[in-house]
């Protein structure tokens, strides 16, 4: 099975993902292609902030 190399938004190497997940990230503009061979994508930083305290309060 092929694996796609994934870079974090600051360029660090992350765990590889499968091609379907890479296509999903690219389609949703959450990643961009940086190298064609080997196919490598880089995650795009998002401005969404998730407050863990608010999530915890909702579960109570």
C-alpha atoms as a PDB file:
ATOM      1  CA  UNK A   1       0.000   0.000   0.000  1.00  0.00           C
ATOM      2  CA  UNK A   2       1.271   3.461  -0.877  1.00  0.00           C
ATOM      3  CA  UNK A   3       1.765   6.037   1.814  1.00  0.00           C
ATOM      4  CA  UNK A   4       1.812   9.805   1.340  1.00  0.00           C
ATOM      5  CA  UNK A   5       4.445  11.775   3.229  1.00  0.00           C
ATOM      6  CA  UNK A   6       2.999  14.566   5.376  1.00  0.00           C
ATOM      7  CA  UNK A   7       4.747  17.704   6.601  1.00  0.00           C
ATOM      8  CA  UNK A   8       3.390  19.887   9.374  1.00  0.00           C
ATOM      9  CA  UNK A   9       2.694  23.546   8.712  1.00  0.00           C
ATOM     10  CA  UNK A  10       6.184  24.461   9.990  1.00  0.00           C
ATOM     11  CA  UNK A  11       7.900  21.783   7.869  1.00  0.00           C
ATOM     12  CA  UNK A  12       8.391  18.963  10.388  1.00  0.00           C
ATOM     13  CA  UNK A  13       7.837  15.412   9.160  1.00  0.00           C
ATOM     14  CA  UNK A  14       4.645  13.821  10.495  1.00  0.00           C
ATOM     15  CA  UNK A  15       3.272  10.307  10.173  1.00  0.00           C
ATOM     16  CA  UNK A  16       2.421   9.319   6.590  1.00  0.00           C
ATOM     17  CA  UNK A  17      -1.218   8.970   5.565  1.00  0.00           C
ATOM     18  CA  UNK A  18      -3.040   6.938   2.956  1.00  0.00           C
ATOM     19  CA  UNK A  19      -3.843   8.444  -0.460  1.00  0.00           C
ATOM     20  CA  UNK A  20      -7.568   8.820   0.273  1.00  0.00           C
ATOM     21  CA  UNK A  21      -6.863  10.960   3.338  1.00  0.00           C
ATOM     22  CA  UNK A  22      -4.356  13.053   1.356  1.00  0.00           C
ATOM     23  CA  UNK A  23      -6.946  13.669  -1.392  1.00  0.00           C
ATOM     24  CA  UNK A  24      -9.470  14.715   1.245  1.00  0.00           C
ATOM     25  CA  UNK A  25      -7.025  17.182   2.821  1.00  0.00           C
ATOM     26  CA  UNK A  26      -6.109  18.641  -0.581  1.00  0.00           C
ATOM     27  CA  UNK A  27      -9.747  18.922  -1.695  1.00  0.00           C
ATOM     28  CA  UNK A  28     -10.726  20.743   1.522  1.00  0.00           C
ATOM     29  CA  UNK A  29      -7.747  23.153   1.244  1.00  0.00           C
ATOM     30  CA  UNK A  30      -6.256  21.810   4.477  1.00  0.00           C
ATOM     31  CA  UNK A  31      -2.993  20.831   2.717  1.00  0.00           C
ATOM     32  CA  UNK A  32      -0.923  21.680  -0.345  1.00  0.00           C
ATOM     33  CA  UNK A  33       1.343  19.551  -2.511  1.00  0.00           C
ATOM     34  CA  UNK A  34       5.031  20.393  -2.048  1.00  0.00           C
ATOM     35  CA  UNK A  35       6.891  17.547  -3.800  1.00  0.00           C
ATOM     36  CA  UNK A  36       5.664  15.349  -6.662  1.00  0.00           C
ATOM     37  CA  UNK A  37       8.099  12.413  -6.199  1.00  0.00           C
ATOM     38  CA  UNK A  38       7.808  11.137  -3.533  1.00  0.00           C
ATOM     39  CA  UNK A  39       4.365  12.666  -3.276  1.00  0.00           C
ATOM     40  CA  UNK A  40       4.447  14.930  -0.227  1.00  0.00           C
ATOM     41  CA  UNK A  41       1.812  17.247   1.188  1.00  0.00           C
ATOM     42  CA  UNK A  42       2.160  20.020   3.745  1.00  0.00           C
ATOM     43  CA  UNK A  43      -0.627  20.904   6.136  1.00  0.00           C
ATOM     44  CA  UNK A  44      -1.917  24.472   6.027  1.00  0.00           C
ATOM     45  CA  UNK A  45      -2.350  26.124   9.427  1.00  0.00           C
ATOM     46  CA  UNK A  46      -5.918  26.906  10.389  1.00  0.00           C
ATOM     47  CA  UNK A  47      -7.129  29.728  12.549  1.00  0.00           C
ATOM     48  CA  UNK A  48      -9.701  27.584  14.350  1.00  0.00           C
ATOM     49  CA  UNK A  49      -9.153  27.567  18.101  1.00  0.00           C
ATOM     50  CA  UNK A  50     -10.819  24.794  20.080  1.00  0.00           C
ATOM     51  CA  UNK A  51     -11.148  25.599  23.759  1.00  0.00           C
ATOM     52  CA  UNK A  52     -10.734  22.320  25.706  1.00  0.00           C
ATOM     53  CA  UNK A  53     -12.472  23.837  28.748  1.00  0.00           C
ATOM     54  CA  UNK A  54     -15.596  24.615  26.729  1.00  0.00           C
ATOM     55  CA  UNK A  55     -15.657  21.069  25.340  1.00  0.00           C
ATOM     56  CA  UNK A  56     -15.339  19.642  28.839  1.00  0.00           C
ATOM     57  CA  UNK A  57     -18.181  21.846  30.126  1.00  0.00           C
ATOM     58  CA  UNK A  58     -20.490  20.699  27.308  1.00  0.00           C
ATOM     59  CA  UNK A  59     -19.936  17.063  28.238  1.00  0.00           C
ATOM     60  CA  UNK A  60     -21.048  17.625  31.845  1.00  0.00           C
END
